Structures are given as C-alpha cells and as structure tokens.
C-alpha cells in the first residue's frame, strides 16, 4: 500500500527487499526502485 500511495500522490518511492513484501509484490505495485540492502537504500536516497 505504501508504494501505491506514493505513486498516487506523485512521490518518489523505493521498495526494500527485507521485511514485508518481495520483489514481485513491490514491482507489481509500481515501485520506482528496489533496494536489497540498507547500504543500497542509502545510495538510492543520496542526492
């Protein structure tokens, strides 16, 4: 729901591949990017 909400409101989103939800679910929801590790998430969020 978080990815869908971000897309609906025109916000940038990143799905993370640890915790709840997997690659297929996040991709189907429209995730703009996927991070496999916290370090990768940091790189994706850097300006």
PDB file of N, CA and C in Angstrom:
ATOM      1  N   UNK A   1       0.814  -1.192   0.000  1.00  0.00           N
ATOM      2  CA  UNK A   1       0.000   0.000   0.000  1.00  0.00           C
ATOM      3  C   UNK A   1       0.862   1.262   0.000  1.00  0.00           C
ATOM      4  N   UNK A   2       2.031   1.189   0.596  1.00  0.00           N
ATOM      5  CA  UNK A   2       2.897   2.374   0.644  1.00  0.00           C
ATOM      6  C   UNK A   2       3.341   2.792  -0.758  1.00  0.00           C
ATOM      7  N   UNK A   3       3.733   1.821  -1.577  1.00  0.00           N
ATOM      8  CA  UNK A   3       4.175   2.119  -2.938  1.00  0.00           C
ATOM      9  C   UNK A   3       3.013   2.698  -3.743  1.00  0.00           C
ATOM     10  N   UNK A   4       1.852   2.074  -3.630  1.00  0.00           N
ATOM     11  CA  UNK A   4       0.680   2.557  -4.360  1.00  0.00           C
ATOM     12  C   UNK A   4       0.313   3.979  -3.935  1.00  0.00           C
ATOM     13  N   UNK A   5       0.392   4.267  -2.638  1.00  0.00           N
ATOM     14  CA  UNK A   5       0.098   5.609  -2.143  1.00  0.00           C
ATOM     15  C   UNK A   5       1.083   6.634  -2.668  1.00  0.00           C
ATOM     16  N   UNK A   6       2.369   6.277  -2.666  1.00  0.00           N
ATOM     17  CA  UNK A   6       3.387   7.193  -3.184  1.00  0.00           C
ATOM     18  C   UNK A   6       3.152   7.471  -4.662  1.00  0.00           C
ATOM     19  N   UNK A   7       2.865   6.439  -5.427  1.00  0.00           N
ATOM     20  CA  UNK A   7       2.602   6.612  -6.862  1.00  0.00           C
ATOM     21  C   UNK A   7       1.383   7.504  -7.078  1.00  0.00           C
ATOM     22  N   UNK A   8       0.341   7.260  -6.325  1.00  0.00           N
ATOM     23  CA  UNK A   8      -0.894   8.034  -6.457  1.00  0.00           C
ATOM     24  C   UNK A   8      -0.658   9.525  -6.223  1.00  0.00           C
ATOM     25  N   UNK A   9       0.243   9.849  -5.295  1.00  0.00           N
ATOM     26  CA  UNK A   9       0.495  11.239  -4.938  1.00  0.00           C
ATOM     27  C   UNK A   9       1.729  11.822  -5.630  1.00  0.00           C
ATOM     28  N   UNK A  10       2.284  11.085  -6.595  1.00  0.00           N
ATOM     29  CA  UNK A  10       3.412  11.590  -7.364  1.00  0.00           C
ATOM     30  C   UNK A  10       4.709  11.674  -6.578  1.00  0.00           C
ATOM     31  N   UNK A  11       4.833  10.857  -5.559  1.00  0.00           N
ATOM     32  CA  UNK A  11       6.042  10.875  -4.722  1.00  0.00           C
ATOM     33  C   UNK A  11       7.040   9.825  -5.203  1.00  0.00           C
ATOM     34  N   UNK A  12       8.299  10.091  -4.984  1.00  0.00           N
ATOM     35  CA  UNK A  12       9.343   9.110  -5.270  1.00  0.00           C
ATOM     36  C   UNK A  12       9.227   7.976  -4.268  1.00  0.00           C
ATOM     37  N   UNK A  13       9.473   6.752  -4.707  1.00  0.00           N
ATOM     38  CA  UNK A  13       9.376   5.611  -3.802  1.00  0.00           C
ATOM     39  C   UNK A  13      10.512   4.636  -4.047  1.00  0.00           C
ATOM     40  N   UNK A  14      10.860   3.910  -2.991  1.00  0.00           N
ATOM     41  CA  UNK A  14      11.858   2.848  -3.069  1.00  0.00           C
ATOM     42  C   UNK A  14      11.316   1.672  -2.268  1.00  0.00           C
ATOM     43  N   UNK A  15      11.210   0.521  -2.892  1.00  0.00           N
ATOM     44  CA  UNK A  15      10.822  -0.694  -2.177  1.00  0.00           C
ATOM     45  C   UNK A  15      12.065  -1.358  -1.609  1.00  0.00           C
ATOM     46  N   UNK A  16      11.977  -1.858  -0.394  1.00  0.00           N
ATOM     47  CA  UNK A  16      13.114  -2.555   0.217  1.00  0.00           C
ATOM     48  C   UNK A  16      12.827  -4.054   0.256  1.00  0.00           C
ATOM     49  N   UNK A  17      13.841  -4.834  -0.040  1.00  0.00           N
ATOM     50  CA  UNK A  17      13.674  -6.277  -0.184  1.00  0.00           C
ATOM     51  C   UNK A  17      13.997  -7.045   1.090  1.00  0.00           C
ATOM     52  N   UNK A  18      13.826  -6.406   2.232  1.00  0.00           N
ATOM     53  CA  UNK A  18      13.909  -7.113   3.507  1.00  0.00           C
ATOM     54  C   UNK A  18      12.644  -6.731   4.273  1.00  0.00           C
ATOM     55  N   UNK A  19      12.186  -7.605   5.120  1.00  0.00           N
ATOM     56  CA  UNK A  19      10.943  -7.332   5.837  1.00  0.00           C
ATOM     57  C   UNK A  19       9.746  -7.810   5.036  1.00  0.00           C
ATOM     58  N   UNK A  20       8.685  -7.025   5.019  1.00  0.00           N
ATOM     59  CA  UNK A  20       7.437  -7.408   4.367  1.00  0.00           C
ATOM     60  C   UNK A  20       7.484  -7.142   2.871  1.00  0.00           C
ATOM     61  N   UNK A  21       6.893  -8.017   2.097  1.00  0.00           N
ATOM     62  CA  UNK A  21       6.807  -7.836   0.650  1.00  0.00           C
ATOM     63  C   UNK A  21       8.066  -8.294  -0.057  1.00  0.00           C
ATOM     64  N   UNK A  22       7.894  -8.863  -1.222  1.00  0.00           N
ATOM     65  CA  UNK A  22       9.018  -9.318  -2.024  1.00  0.00           C
ATOM     66  C   UNK A  22       9.113  -8.549  -3.318  1.00  0.00           C
ATOM     67  N   UNK A  23      10.099  -8.896  -4.110  1.00  0.00           N
ATOM     68  CA  UNK A  23      10.365  -8.226  -5.391  1.00  0.00           C
ATOM     69  C   UNK A  23       9.120  -8.203  -6.278  1.00  0.00           C
ATOM     70  N   UNK A  24       8.460  -9.337  -6.423  1.00  0.00           N
ATOM     71  CA  UNK A  24       7.297  -9.422  -7.310  1.00  0.00           C
ATOM     72  C   UNK A  24       6.173  -8.503  -6.841  1.00  0.00           C
ATOM     73  N   UNK A  25       5.890  -8.514  -5.540  1.00  0.00           N
ATOM     74  CA  UNK A  25       4.820  -7.671  -4.998  1.00  0.00           C
ATOM     75  C   UNK A  25       5.144  -6.188  -5.168  1.00  0.00           C
ATOM     76  N   UNK A  26       6.374  -5.809  -4.876  1.00  0.00           N
ATOM     77  CA  UNK A  26       6.770  -4.398  -4.989  1.00  0.00           C
ATOM     78  C   UNK A  26       6.786  -3.932  -6.440  1.00  0.00           C
ATOM     79  N   UNK A  27       7.247  -4.788  -7.331  1.00  0.00           N
ATOM     80  CA  UNK A  27       7.258  -4.447  -8.750  1.00  0.00           C
ATOM     81  C   UNK A  27       5.836  -4.299  -9.273  1.00  0.00           C
ATOM     82  N   UNK A  28       4.965  -5.222  -8.894  1.00  0.00           N
ATOM     83  CA  UNK A  28       3.561  -5.160  -9.326  1.00  0.00           C
ATOM     84  C   UNK A  28       2.879  -3.895  -8.806  1.00  0.00           C
ATOM     85  N   UNK A  29       3.285  -3.429  -7.634  1.00  0.00           N
ATOM     86  CA  UNK A  29       2.694  -2.221  -7.052  1.00  0.00           C
ATOM     87  C   UNK A  29       3.209  -0.952  -7.724  1.00  0.00           C
ATOM     88  N   UNK A  30       4.304  -1.076  -8.513  1.00  0.00           N
ATOM     89  CA  UNK A  30       4.830   0.078  -9.240  1.00  0.00           C
ATOM     90  C   UNK A  30       6.046   0.724  -8.619  1.00  0.00           C
ATOM     91  N   UNK A  31       6.791  -0.012  -7.809  1.00  0.00           N
ATOM     92  CA  UNK A  31       7.975   0.558  -7.163  1.00  0.00           C
ATOM     93  C   UNK A  31       8.912   1.171  -8.198  1.00  0.00           C
ATOM     94  N   UNK A  32       9.348   2.401  -7.914  1.00  0.00           N
ATOM     95  CA  UNK A  32      10.255   3.098  -8.813  1.00  0.00           C
ATOM     96  C   UNK A  32      11.671   2.573  -8.752  1.00  0.00           C
ATOM     97  N   UNK A  33      12.051   2.011  -7.611  1.00  0.00           N
ATOM     98  CA  UNK A  33      13.377   1.430  -7.416  1.00  0.00           C
ATOM     99  C   UNK A  33      13.264   0.386  -6.315  1.00  0.00           C
ATOM    100  N   UNK A  34      14.215  -0.537  -6.292  1.00  0.00           N
ATOM    101  CA  UNK A  34      14.264  -1.569  -5.260  1.00  0.00           C
ATOM    102  C   UNK A  34      15.654  -1.586  -4.637  1.00  0.00           C
ATOM    103  N   UNK A  35      15.705  -1.740  -3.317  1.00  0.00           N
ATOM    104  CA  UNK A  35      16.976  -1.818  -2.596  1.00  0.00           C
ATOM    105  C   UNK A  35      17.074  -3.176  -1.922  1.00  0.00           C
ATOM    106  N   UNK A  36      18.205  -3.848  -2.097  1.00  0.00           N
ATOM    107  CA  UNK A  36      18.428  -5.156  -1.487  1.00  0.00           C
ATOM    108  C   UNK A  36      19.036  -5.067  -0.097  1.00  0.00           C
ATOM    109  N   UNK A  37      19.732  -3.968   0.180  1.00  0.00           N
ATOM    110  CA  UNK A  37      20.408  -3.800   1.463  1.00  0.00           C
ATOM    111  C   UNK A  37      20.220  -2.364   1.957  1.00  0.00           C
ATOM    112  N   UNK A  38      20.407  -2.139   3.253  1.00  0.00           N
ATOM    113  CA  UNK A  38      20.338  -0.759   3.756  1.00  0.00           C
ATOM    114  C   UNK A  38      21.371   0.150   3.064  1.00  0.00           C
ATOM    115  N   UNK A  39      22.540  -0.366   2.763  1.00  0.00           N
ATOM    116  CA  UNK A  39      23.551   0.453   2.090  1.00  0.00           C
ATOM    117  C   UNK A  39      23.077   0.869   0.698  1.00  0.00           C
ATOM    118  N   UNK A  40      22.429  -0.051  -0.012  1.00  0.00           N
ATOM    119  CA  UNK A  40      21.898   0.277  -1.329  1.00  0.00           C
ATOM    120  C   UNK A  40      20.792   1.315  -1.211  1.00  0.00           C
ATOM    121  N   UNK A  41      19.953   1.203  -0.184  1.00  0.00           N
ATOM    122  CA  UNK A  41      18.905   2.196   0.043  1.00  0.00           C
ATOM    123  C   UNK A  41      19.531   3.579   0.239  1.00  0.00           C
ATOM    124  N   UNK A  42      20.588   3.634   1.023  1.00  0.00           N
ATOM    125  CA  UNK A  42      21.289   4.906   1.239  1.00  0.00           C
ATOM    126  C   UNK A  42      21.775   5.515  -0.058  1.00  0.00           C
ATOM    127  N   UNK A  43      22.347   4.694  -0.938  1.00  0.00           N
ATOM    128  CA  UNK A  43      22.827   5.192  -2.234  1.00  0.00           C
ATOM    129  C   UNK A  43      21.664   5.695  -3.089  1.00  0.00           C
ATOM    130  N   UNK A  44      20.536   4.979  -3.052  1.00  0.00           N
ATOM    131  CA  UNK A  44      19.363   5.395  -3.836  1.00  0.00           C
ATOM    132  C   UNK A  44      18.771   6.720  -3.347  1.00  0.00           C
ATOM    133  N   UNK A  45      18.908   6.977  -2.060  1.00  0.00           N
ATOM    134  CA  UNK A  45      18.324   8.194  -1.489  1.00  0.00           C
ATOM    135  C   UNK A  45      19.269   9.381  -1.496  1.00  0.00           C
ATOM    136  N   UNK A  46      20.525   9.142  -1.813  1.00  0.00           N
ATOM    137  CA  UNK A  46      21.504  10.245  -1.862  1.00  0.00           C
ATOM    138  C   UNK A  46      21.175  11.180  -3.011  1.00  0.00           C
ATOM    139  N   UNK A  47      21.389  12.477  -2.781  1.00  0.00           N
ATOM    140  CA  UNK A  47      21.122  13.459  -3.860  1.00  0.00           C
ATOM    141  C   UNK A  47      22.025  13.297  -5.051  1.00  0.00           C
TER     142      UNK A  47
END
